[in-house]
């Protein structure tokens, strides 16, 4: 059980750090978008690469924080039934959801995304827009990052569920425990 607890903590820590890092991209997206609007409407200047940049940063941010969203329960759930449930019932629901829904989803995303990402890296794909940014292949690589971070967090949810069902909630990291009363 200690090894399982260590694995849950390690995965949660990685996704927490990724969430902290990639959440700053939202500020960059807003600032770049604001700059694009000001340049275009006040100075009649436009840079295609800047338009690419804020869209790409937004995509990278959302794919990079997906595991963090799962860690912090910011994903979609039917809380009418889940919220009042006991911790053990929540553990069963989380385990079933992770195995039956999340695991197949991230497997399909990874398997179907891999050839797409490989091709993009092989040709060093860039923006289709004239004057756009190079490096689109890096952004597309985040499709695989998305699948991995969500898959790992689902694995951590299964580990948490096993610990709770084994009456070892004390081994679950404090920030990853179910909250009392909700």
N, C-alpha and C. Protein backbone atom coordinates (compact mmCIF):
# COMPACT_ATOMS: atom_id res chain seq x y z
N UNK A 1 0.82 -1.20 0.00
CA UNK A 1 0.00 0.00 0.00
C UNK A 1 0.86 1.27 0.00
N UNK A 2 2.03 1.17 0.61
CA UNK A 2 2.93 2.32 0.64
C UNK A 2 3.40 2.68 -0.77
N UNK A 3 3.70 1.66 -1.56
CA UNK A 3 4.14 1.88 -2.94
C UNK A 3 3.02 2.52 -3.76
N UNK A 4 1.80 2.04 -3.56
CA UNK A 4 0.65 2.61 -4.25
C UNK A 4 0.46 4.07 -3.86
N UNK A 5 0.62 4.35 -2.58
CA UNK A 5 0.50 5.73 -2.09
C UNK A 5 1.59 6.61 -2.71
N UNK A 6 2.80 6.08 -2.80
CA UNK A 6 3.90 6.84 -3.41
C UNK A 6 3.60 7.14 -4.87
N UNK A 7 3.05 6.13 -5.60
CA UNK A 7 2.71 6.33 -7.01
C UNK A 7 1.64 7.40 -7.17
N UNK A 8 0.60 7.36 -6.33
CA UNK A 8 -0.48 8.36 -6.39
C UNK A 8 0.10 9.75 -6.13
N UNK A 9 0.96 9.85 -5.11
CA UNK A 9 1.57 11.15 -4.78
C UNK A 9 2.45 11.67 -5.93
N UNK A 10 3.22 10.79 -6.53
CA UNK A 10 4.12 11.20 -7.62
C UNK A 10 3.33 11.71 -8.82
N UNK A 11 2.31 10.96 -9.21
CA UNK A 11 1.49 11.38 -10.36
C UNK A 11 0.79 12.70 -10.05
N UNK A 12 0.22 12.80 -8.87
CA UNK A 12 -0.48 14.04 -8.49
C UNK A 12 0.48 15.22 -8.47
N UNK A 13 1.67 14.99 -7.99
CA UNK A 13 2.66 16.07 -7.93
C UNK A 13 3.05 16.54 -9.33
N UNK A 14 3.26 15.60 -10.24
CA UNK A 14 3.60 15.96 -11.61
C UNK A 14 2.48 16.78 -12.24
N UNK A 15 1.23 16.31 -12.09
CA UNK A 15 0.12 17.05 -12.69
C UNK A 15 -0.11 18.38 -12.00
N UNK A 16 0.15 18.46 -10.71
CA UNK A 16 0.02 19.74 -10.01
C UNK A 16 1.06 20.73 -10.56
N UNK A 17 2.30 20.27 -10.73
CA UNK A 17 3.34 21.14 -11.28
C UNK A 17 3.03 21.57 -12.71
N UNK A 18 2.55 20.63 -13.53
CA UNK A 18 2.16 20.99 -14.90
C UNK A 18 1.03 22.01 -14.89
N UNK A 19 0.08 21.83 -14.00
CA UNK A 19 -1.02 22.78 -13.89
C UNK A 19 -0.55 24.16 -13.50
N UNK A 20 0.38 24.24 -12.55
CA UNK A 20 0.92 25.53 -12.14
C UNK A 20 1.68 26.19 -13.28
N UNK A 21 2.44 25.41 -14.01
CA UNK A 21 3.24 25.95 -15.12
C UNK A 21 2.35 26.41 -16.27
N UNK A 22 1.50 25.52 -16.76
CA UNK A 22 0.71 25.83 -17.94
C UNK A 22 -0.41 26.83 -17.68
N UNK A 23 -0.82 26.99 -16.44
CA UNK A 23 -1.86 27.99 -16.16
C UNK A 23 -1.37 29.40 -16.47
N UNK A 24 -0.08 29.62 -16.40
CA UNK A 24 0.47 30.94 -16.75
C UNK A 24 0.32 31.24 -18.23
N UNK A 25 0.13 30.21 -19.03
CA UNK A 25 -0.07 30.43 -20.46
C UNK A 25 -1.33 31.25 -20.71
N UNK A 26 -2.30 31.16 -19.81
CA UNK A 26 -3.54 31.93 -20.00
C UNK A 26 -3.24 33.43 -19.98
N UNK A 27 -2.34 33.85 -19.12
CA UNK A 27 -1.95 35.26 -19.09
C UNK A 27 -1.27 35.64 -20.41
N UNK A 28 -0.39 34.79 -20.90
CA UNK A 28 0.28 35.06 -22.18
C UNK A 28 -0.73 35.14 -23.31
N UNK A 29 -1.71 34.23 -23.31
CA UNK A 29 -2.74 34.24 -24.36
C UNK A 29 -3.50 35.55 -24.35
N UNK A 30 -3.91 36.00 -23.16
CA UNK A 30 -4.66 37.25 -23.04
C UNK A 30 -3.82 38.44 -23.49
N UNK A 31 -2.58 38.50 -23.04
CA UNK A 31 -1.71 39.63 -23.40
C UNK A 31 -1.42 39.67 -24.90
N UNK A 32 -1.16 38.51 -25.49
CA UNK A 32 -0.87 38.46 -26.93
C UNK A 32 -2.12 38.82 -27.73
N UNK A 33 -3.26 38.27 -27.33
CA UNK A 33 -4.51 38.58 -28.03
C UNK A 33 -4.83 40.08 -27.92
N UNK A 34 -4.64 40.64 -26.74
CA UNK A 34 -4.86 42.07 -26.53
C UNK A 34 -3.95 42.89 -27.44
N UNK A 35 -2.69 42.47 -27.53
CA UNK A 35 -1.72 43.17 -28.38
C UNK A 35 -2.13 43.08 -29.84
N UNK A 36 -2.58 41.90 -30.29
CA UNK A 36 -3.03 41.73 -31.68
C UNK A 36 -4.18 42.68 -31.97
N UNK A 37 -5.13 42.77 -31.06
CA UNK A 37 -6.30 43.65 -31.27
C UNK A 37 -5.88 45.12 -31.31
N UNK A 38 -5.04 45.53 -30.39
CA UNK A 38 -4.58 46.93 -30.35
C UNK A 38 -3.81 47.27 -31.62
N UNK A 39 -2.89 46.40 -32.01
CA UNK A 39 -2.12 46.65 -33.23
C UNK A 39 -3.02 46.74 -34.45
N UNK A 40 -3.98 45.85 -34.54
CA UNK A 40 -4.83 45.80 -35.73
C UNK A 40 -5.77 46.99 -35.80
N UNK A 41 -6.46 47.32 -34.70
CA UNK A 41 -7.51 48.33 -34.77
C UNK A 41 -7.05 49.75 -34.49
N UNK A 42 -5.93 49.90 -33.83
CA UNK A 42 -5.44 51.26 -33.57
C UNK A 42 -4.29 51.67 -34.47
N UNK A 43 -3.51 50.68 -34.93
CA UNK A 43 -2.34 51.00 -35.74
C UNK A 43 -2.38 50.39 -37.14
N UNK A 44 -3.43 49.63 -37.43
CA UNK A 44 -3.60 48.96 -38.73
C UNK A 44 -2.40 48.09 -39.08
N UNK A 45 -1.85 47.42 -38.08
CA UNK A 45 -0.72 46.50 -38.26
C UNK A 45 -1.18 45.10 -37.86
N UNK A 46 -0.76 44.12 -38.61
CA UNK A 46 -1.14 42.75 -38.27
C UNK A 46 0.05 41.82 -38.48
N UNK A 47 0.25 40.93 -37.54
CA UNK A 47 1.29 39.92 -37.64
C UNK A 47 0.63 38.55 -37.52
N UNK A 48 0.69 37.78 -38.57
CA UNK A 48 0.05 36.47 -38.58
C UNK A 48 0.67 35.58 -37.51
N UNK A 49 1.96 35.67 -37.33
CA UNK A 49 2.63 34.83 -36.35
C UNK A 49 2.10 35.09 -34.94
N UNK A 50 1.71 36.33 -34.64
CA UNK A 50 1.15 36.62 -33.32
C UNK A 50 -0.23 35.99 -33.16
N UNK A 51 -0.99 35.97 -34.23
CA UNK A 51 -2.30 35.31 -34.17
C UNK A 51 -2.13 33.81 -33.97
N UNK A 52 -1.19 33.23 -34.69
CA UNK A 52 -0.88 31.81 -34.48
C UNK A 52 -0.46 31.57 -33.04
N UNK A 53 0.39 32.44 -32.53
CA UNK A 53 0.96 32.24 -31.21
C UNK A 53 -0.09 32.15 -30.12
N UNK A 54 -1.06 33.07 -30.08
CA UNK A 54 -2.00 32.99 -28.97
C UNK A 54 -2.97 31.81 -29.11
N UNK A 55 -3.27 31.42 -30.34
CA UNK A 55 -4.11 30.24 -30.53
C UNK A 55 -3.35 28.98 -30.13
N UNK A 56 -2.10 28.88 -30.54
CA UNK A 56 -1.29 27.71 -30.22
C UNK A 56 -1.03 27.62 -28.72
N UNK A 57 -0.72 28.75 -28.09
CA UNK A 57 -0.50 28.74 -26.64
C UNK A 57 -1.75 28.29 -25.90
N UNK A 58 -2.91 28.72 -26.38
CA UNK A 58 -4.17 28.30 -25.77
C UNK A 58 -4.36 26.80 -25.87
N UNK A 59 -4.06 26.24 -27.03
CA UNK A 59 -4.17 24.80 -27.21
C UNK A 59 -3.21 24.03 -26.33
N UNK A 60 -1.97 24.49 -26.29
CA UNK A 60 -0.96 23.84 -25.44
C UNK A 60 -1.38 23.92 -23.98
N UNK A 61 -1.89 25.09 -23.57
CA UNK A 61 -2.31 25.26 -22.18
C UNK A 61 -3.42 24.26 -21.83
N UNK A 62 -4.44 24.18 -22.64
CA UNK A 62 -5.56 23.29 -22.33
C UNK A 62 -5.14 21.83 -22.31
N UNK A 63 -4.25 21.43 -23.21
CA UNK A 63 -3.80 20.04 -23.21
C UNK A 63 -2.86 19.77 -22.04
N UNK A 64 -2.04 20.77 -21.68
CA UNK A 64 -1.10 20.59 -20.57
C UNK A 64 -1.73 20.57 -19.20
N UNK A 65 -2.88 21.25 -19.02
CA UNK A 65 -3.53 21.31 -17.70
C UNK A 65 -4.63 20.27 -17.54
N UNK A 66 -4.85 19.42 -18.53
CA UNK A 66 -5.94 18.46 -18.46
C UNK A 66 -5.80 17.51 -17.27
N UNK A 67 -4.60 17.04 -16.99
CA UNK A 67 -4.39 16.18 -15.82
C UNK A 67 -4.62 16.92 -14.52
N UNK A 68 -4.23 18.18 -14.49
CA UNK A 68 -4.46 19.03 -13.31
C UNK A 68 -5.96 19.23 -13.08
N UNK A 69 -6.72 19.40 -14.16
CA UNK A 69 -8.17 19.54 -14.03
C UNK A 69 -8.78 18.29 -13.42
N UNK A 70 -8.30 17.13 -13.82
CA UNK A 70 -8.79 15.88 -13.25
C UNK A 70 -8.37 15.75 -11.79
N UNK A 71 -7.16 16.15 -11.48
CA UNK A 71 -6.65 16.13 -10.10
C UNK A 71 -7.50 17.00 -9.17
N UNK A 72 -7.89 18.16 -9.63
CA UNK A 72 -8.60 19.13 -8.78
C UNK A 72 -10.12 19.11 -8.97
N UNK A 73 -10.62 18.06 -9.61
CA UNK A 73 -12.06 17.89 -9.84
C UNK A 73 -12.69 19.05 -10.58
N UNK A 74 -12.01 19.57 -11.58
CA UNK A 74 -12.54 20.65 -12.40
C UNK A 74 -13.14 20.13 -13.69
N UNK A 75 -13.31 18.83 -13.79
CA UNK A 75 -13.87 18.21 -14.99
C UNK A 75 -15.39 18.06 -14.82
N UNK A 76 -16.04 17.62 -15.87
CA UNK A 76 -17.50 17.47 -15.86
C UNK A 76 -17.89 16.21 -15.09
N UNK A 77 -18.88 16.38 -14.23
CA UNK A 77 -19.38 15.25 -13.44
C UNK A 77 -20.82 15.56 -13.06
N UNK A 78 -21.61 14.53 -12.88
CA UNK A 78 -23.00 14.72 -12.44
C UNK A 78 -22.97 14.75 -10.91
N UNK A 79 -22.81 15.96 -10.37
CA UNK A 79 -22.66 16.12 -8.92
C UNK A 79 -23.92 15.86 -8.11
N UNK A 80 -25.07 15.82 -8.76
CA UNK A 80 -26.32 15.57 -8.03
C UNK A 80 -26.24 14.24 -7.28
N UNK A 81 -25.61 13.25 -7.90
CA UNK A 81 -25.49 11.94 -7.27
C UNK A 81 -24.14 11.76 -6.58
N UNK A 82 -23.13 12.37 -7.11
CA UNK A 82 -21.76 12.15 -6.62
C UNK A 82 -21.48 12.88 -5.31
N UNK A 83 -21.88 14.13 -5.23
CA UNK A 83 -21.53 14.97 -4.09
C UNK A 83 -21.98 14.40 -2.74
N UNK A 84 -23.24 13.95 -2.61
CA UNK A 84 -23.68 13.45 -1.29
C UNK A 84 -23.23 12.02 -0.98
N UNK A 85 -22.57 11.36 -1.92
CA UNK A 85 -22.18 9.96 -1.74
C UNK A 85 -21.08 9.81 -0.69
N UNK A 86 -20.99 8.61 -0.13
CA UNK A 86 -19.92 8.31 0.84
C UNK A 86 -18.59 8.24 0.10
N UNK A 87 -17.51 8.31 0.87
CA UNK A 87 -16.18 8.26 0.26
C UNK A 87 -15.96 6.94 -0.46
N UNK A 88 -16.47 5.86 0.10
CA UNK A 88 -16.28 4.56 -0.56
C UNK A 88 -17.06 4.49 -1.86
N UNK A 89 -18.26 5.04 -1.88
CA UNK A 89 -19.04 5.03 -3.13
C UNK A 89 -18.35 5.91 -4.17
N UNK A 90 -17.82 7.07 -3.75
CA UNK A 90 -17.09 7.93 -4.68
C UNK A 90 -15.89 7.19 -5.24
N UNK A 91 -15.22 6.42 -4.39
CA UNK A 91 -14.06 5.65 -4.84
C UNK A 91 -14.46 4.63 -5.90
N UNK A 92 -15.60 3.96 -5.70
CA UNK A 92 -16.08 2.98 -6.68
C UNK A 92 -16.42 3.69 -7.99
N UNK A 93 -17.11 4.82 -7.90
CA UNK A 93 -17.48 5.58 -9.10
C UNK A 93 -16.24 6.06 -9.84
N UNK A 94 -15.26 6.61 -9.10
CA UNK A 94 -14.03 7.09 -9.73
C UNK A 94 -13.24 5.95 -10.39
N UNK A 95 -13.19 4.82 -9.72
CA UNK A 95 -12.46 3.68 -10.28
C UNK A 95 -13.16 3.20 -11.56
N UNK A 96 -14.47 3.05 -11.49
CA UNK A 96 -15.21 2.59 -12.67
C UNK A 96 -15.10 3.60 -13.80
N UNK A 97 -15.22 4.86 -13.50
CA UNK A 97 -15.11 5.90 -14.53
C UNK A 97 -13.74 5.93 -15.17
N UNK A 98 -12.71 5.76 -14.35
CA UNK A 98 -11.34 5.77 -14.87
C UNK A 98 -11.08 4.58 -15.79
N UNK A 99 -11.56 3.41 -15.37
CA UNK A 99 -11.30 2.18 -16.14
C UNK A 99 -12.20 2.09 -17.37
N UNK A 100 -13.48 2.42 -17.21
CA UNK A 100 -14.44 2.23 -18.30
C UNK A 100 -14.50 3.38 -19.30
N UNK A 101 -14.17 4.59 -18.85
CA UNK A 101 -14.32 5.75 -19.73
C UNK A 101 -12.99 6.44 -20.06
N UNK A 102 -12.23 6.78 -19.02
CA UNK A 102 -11.01 7.55 -19.25
C UNK A 102 -9.94 6.70 -19.95
N UNK A 103 -9.71 5.49 -19.47
CA UNK A 103 -8.67 4.64 -20.07
C UNK A 103 -8.91 4.38 -21.56
N UNK A 104 -10.12 3.98 -21.96
CA UNK A 104 -10.33 3.79 -23.41
C UNK A 104 -10.19 5.10 -24.20
N UNK A 105 -10.67 6.20 -23.61
CA UNK A 105 -10.59 7.49 -24.30
C UNK A 105 -9.14 7.89 -24.54
N UNK A 106 -8.30 7.86 -23.51
CA UNK A 106 -6.91 8.29 -23.70
C UNK A 106 -6.14 7.30 -24.57
N UNK A 107 -6.51 6.04 -24.53
CA UNK A 107 -5.88 5.05 -25.40
C UNK A 107 -6.18 5.37 -26.86
N UNK A 108 -7.43 5.67 -27.15
CA UNK A 108 -7.81 6.00 -28.53
C UNK A 108 -7.14 7.30 -28.97
N UNK A 109 -7.15 8.32 -28.10
CA UNK A 109 -6.50 9.58 -28.45
C UNK A 109 -5.02 9.34 -28.74
N UNK A 110 -4.36 8.56 -27.90
CA UNK A 110 -2.93 8.32 -28.08
C UNK A 110 -2.67 7.52 -29.37
N UNK A 111 -3.41 6.43 -29.55
CA UNK A 111 -3.15 5.56 -30.70
C UNK A 111 -3.48 6.25 -32.03
N UNK A 112 -4.58 6.99 -32.07
CA UNK A 112 -4.93 7.69 -33.30
C UNK A 112 -4.09 8.97 -33.49
N UNK A 113 -3.67 9.55 -32.39
CA UNK A 113 -2.88 10.77 -32.46
C UNK A 113 -1.43 10.53 -32.81
N UNK A 114 -0.90 9.37 -32.45
CA UNK A 114 0.52 9.07 -32.67
C UNK A 114 0.95 9.19 -34.13
N UNK A 115 0.26 8.57 -35.08
CA UNK A 115 0.70 8.74 -36.48
C UNK A 115 0.59 10.19 -36.95
N UNK A 116 -0.45 10.85 -36.51
CA UNK A 116 -0.67 12.25 -36.86
C UNK A 116 0.49 13.12 -36.34
N UNK A 117 0.89 12.89 -35.10
CA UNK A 117 1.99 13.64 -34.49
C UNK A 117 3.32 13.26 -35.13
N UNK A 118 3.53 11.97 -35.38
CA UNK A 118 4.77 11.53 -36.03
C UNK A 118 4.96 12.20 -37.39
N UNK A 119 3.87 12.23 -38.17
CA UNK A 119 3.95 12.85 -39.49
C UNK A 119 4.29 14.33 -39.36
N UNK A 120 3.66 14.99 -38.41
CA UNK A 120 3.90 16.41 -38.21
C UNK A 120 5.37 16.66 -37.83
N UNK A 121 5.92 15.81 -36.97
CA UNK A 121 7.32 15.97 -36.57
C UNK A 121 8.26 15.62 -37.72
N UNK A 122 7.89 14.60 -38.50
CA UNK A 122 8.75 14.18 -39.62
C UNK A 122 8.91 15.31 -40.65
N UNK A 123 7.82 16.02 -40.93
CA UNK A 123 7.91 17.08 -41.94
C UNK A 123 8.16 18.45 -41.31
N UNK A 124 8.36 18.46 -39.97
CA UNK A 124 8.61 19.72 -39.24
C UNK A 124 7.52 20.74 -39.61
N UNK A 125 6.28 20.33 -39.43
CA UNK A 125 5.12 21.10 -39.87
C UNK A 125 5.10 22.50 -39.25
N UNK A 126 4.72 23.46 -40.07
CA UNK A 126 4.59 24.85 -39.64
C UNK A 126 3.17 25.33 -39.96
N UNK A 127 2.91 26.56 -39.63
CA UNK A 127 1.61 27.16 -39.90
C UNK A 127 1.31 27.15 -41.39
N UNK A 128 0.05 26.95 -41.74
CA UNK A 128 -0.37 27.02 -43.15
C UNK A 128 -0.51 28.46 -43.61
N UNK A 129 -0.53 29.38 -42.68
CA UNK A 129 -0.71 30.79 -43.01
C UNK A 129 0.61 31.41 -43.46
N UNK A 130 0.55 32.19 -44.52
CA UNK A 130 1.75 32.90 -44.98
C UNK A 130 2.17 33.87 -43.87
N UNK A 131 3.42 33.81 -43.46
CA UNK A 131 3.92 34.64 -42.37
C UNK A 131 3.62 34.07 -41.00
N UNK A 132 3.10 32.84 -40.97
CA UNK A 132 2.79 32.19 -39.71
C UNK A 132 4.02 31.62 -39.04
N UNK A 133 3.80 31.04 -37.89
CA UNK A 133 4.91 30.52 -37.09
C UNK A 133 5.37 29.14 -37.54
N UNK A 134 6.65 28.88 -37.35
CA UNK A 134 7.13 27.50 -37.52
C UNK A 134 6.82 26.74 -36.23
N UNK A 135 6.98 25.44 -36.26
CA UNK A 135 6.89 24.67 -35.02
C UNK A 135 5.51 24.16 -34.67
N UNK A 136 4.60 24.06 -35.61
CA UNK A 136 3.28 23.51 -35.33
C UNK A 136 3.39 22.08 -34.82
N UNK A 137 4.42 21.37 -35.25
CA UNK A 137 4.64 19.99 -34.82
C UNK A 137 4.79 19.89 -33.30
N UNK A 138 5.33 20.91 -32.67
CA UNK A 138 5.46 20.90 -31.20
C UNK A 138 4.08 20.98 -30.56
N UNK A 139 3.25 21.85 -31.10
CA UNK A 139 1.88 21.98 -30.58
C UNK A 139 1.13 20.66 -30.76
N UNK A 140 1.26 20.06 -31.93
CA UNK A 140 0.58 18.79 -32.18
C UNK A 140 1.10 17.69 -31.26
N UNK A 141 2.37 17.77 -30.86
CA UNK A 141 2.92 16.80 -29.92
C UNK A 141 2.19 16.80 -28.59
N UNK A 142 1.56 17.91 -28.27
CA UNK A 142 0.82 18.01 -27.01
C UNK A 142 -0.45 17.17 -27.01
N UNK A 143 -0.85 16.66 -28.16
CA UNK A 143 -1.96 15.70 -28.19
C UNK A 143 -1.56 14.47 -27.37
N UNK A 144 -0.32 14.04 -27.54
CA UNK A 144 0.18 12.89 -26.79
C UNK A 144 0.39 13.23 -25.33
N UNK A 145 0.86 14.45 -25.07
CA UNK A 145 1.02 14.90 -23.68
C UNK A 145 -0.33 14.86 -22.98
N UNK A 146 -1.37 15.35 -23.66
CA UNK A 146 -2.72 15.33 -23.11
C UNK A 146 -3.12 13.92 -22.71
N UNK A 147 -2.95 12.97 -23.63
CA UNK A 147 -3.34 11.59 -23.35
C UNK A 147 -2.57 11.01 -22.17
N UNK A 148 -1.28 11.33 -22.10
CA UNK A 148 -0.45 10.79 -21.03
C UNK A 148 -0.82 11.39 -19.66
N UNK A 149 -0.96 12.71 -19.58
CA UNK A 149 -1.24 13.32 -18.27
C UNK A 149 -2.63 12.95 -17.76
N UNK A 150 -3.61 12.86 -18.66
CA UNK A 150 -4.95 12.45 -18.24
C UNK A 150 -4.94 10.97 -17.86
N UNK A 151 -4.26 10.15 -18.65
CA UNK A 151 -4.16 8.72 -18.33
C UNK A 151 -3.47 8.48 -17.00
N UNK A 152 -2.39 9.20 -16.75
CA UNK A 152 -1.69 9.05 -15.47
C UNK A 152 -2.57 9.49 -14.30
N UNK A 153 -3.30 10.59 -14.48
CA UNK A 153 -4.15 11.05 -13.39
C UNK A 153 -5.30 10.07 -13.14
N UNK A 154 -5.81 9.45 -14.20
CA UNK A 154 -6.83 8.42 -14.02
C UNK A 154 -6.25 7.23 -13.26
N UNK A 155 -4.99 6.89 -13.54
CA UNK A 155 -4.31 5.83 -12.80
C UNK A 155 -4.19 6.21 -11.33
N UNK A 156 -3.87 7.47 -11.05
CA UNK A 156 -3.80 7.94 -9.67
C UNK A 156 -5.18 7.87 -9.00
N UNK A 157 -6.23 8.14 -9.76
CA UNK A 157 -7.59 8.04 -9.20
C UNK A 157 -7.93 6.59 -8.85
N UNK A 158 -7.49 5.67 -9.68
CA UNK A 158 -7.70 4.25 -9.37
C UNK A 158 -6.92 3.88 -8.11
N UNK A 159 -5.67 4.36 -8.03
CA UNK A 159 -4.87 4.11 -6.82
C UNK A 159 -5.52 4.68 -5.58
N UNK A 160 -6.02 5.91 -5.67
CA UNK A 160 -6.72 6.52 -4.53
C UNK A 160 -7.93 5.68 -4.15
N UNK A 161 -8.66 5.22 -5.15
CA UNK A 161 -9.85 4.40 -4.88
C UNK A 161 -9.48 3.11 -4.16
N UNK A 162 -8.41 2.47 -4.60
CA UNK A 162 -7.97 1.24 -3.95
C UNK A 162 -7.60 1.52 -2.49
N UNK A 163 -6.88 2.60 -2.25
CA UNK A 163 -6.50 2.94 -0.88
C UNK A 163 -7.74 3.20 -0.01
N UNK A 164 -8.70 3.89 -0.54
CA UNK A 164 -9.91 4.20 0.23
C UNK A 164 -10.72 2.94 0.49
N UNK A 165 -10.87 2.10 -0.53
CA UNK A 165 -11.63 0.87 -0.36
C UNK A 165 -10.93 -0.11 0.59
N UNK A 166 -9.61 0.03 0.72
CA UNK A 166 -8.84 -0.81 1.66
C UNK A 166 -8.75 -0.16 3.04
N UNK A 167 -9.55 0.89 3.26
CA UNK A 167 -9.55 1.64 4.53
C UNK A 167 -8.17 2.22 4.86
N UNK A 168 -7.48 2.69 3.85
CA UNK A 168 -6.18 3.34 4.04
C UNK A 168 -6.21 4.77 3.49
N UNK A 169 -7.28 5.49 3.76
CA UNK A 169 -7.39 6.87 3.30
C UNK A 169 -6.29 7.75 3.88
N UNK A 170 -5.70 7.31 4.99
CA UNK A 170 -4.59 8.06 5.59
C UNK A 170 -3.38 8.12 4.65
N UNK A 171 -3.28 7.18 3.69
CA UNK A 171 -2.17 7.17 2.74
C UNK A 171 -2.44 8.01 1.49
N UNK A 172 -3.66 8.54 1.38
CA UNK A 172 -4.00 9.40 0.25
C UNK A 172 -3.51 10.81 0.55
N UNK A 173 -2.84 11.47 -0.39
CA UNK A 173 -2.38 12.84 -0.14
C UNK A 173 -3.56 13.74 0.26
N UNK A 174 -3.32 14.61 1.20
CA UNK A 174 -4.37 15.49 1.74
C UNK A 174 -5.13 16.23 0.64
N UNK A 175 -4.40 16.78 -0.32
CA UNK A 175 -5.04 17.57 -1.38
C UNK A 175 -5.82 16.71 -2.36
N UNK A 176 -5.69 15.39 -2.29
CA UNK A 176 -6.36 14.49 -3.23
C UNK A 176 -7.45 13.69 -2.54
N UNK A 177 -7.71 14.01 -1.26
CA UNK A 177 -8.76 13.33 -0.52
C UNK A 177 -10.12 13.94 -0.89
N UNK A 178 -11.13 13.13 -0.65
CA UNK A 178 -12.49 13.65 -0.84
C UNK A 178 -12.78 14.61 0.29
N UNK A 179 -13.44 15.69 -0.05
CA UNK A 179 -13.78 16.71 0.95
C UNK A 179 -14.99 16.25 1.74
N UNK A 180 -15.02 16.59 3.01
CA UNK A 180 -16.18 16.27 3.85
C UNK A 180 -17.36 17.12 3.41
N UNK A 181 -18.50 16.48 3.32
CA UNK A 181 -19.72 17.22 2.99
C UNK A 181 -19.80 17.65 1.55
N UNK A 182 -18.97 17.10 0.67
CA UNK A 182 -19.07 17.51 -0.74
C UNK A 182 -17.99 16.98 -1.59
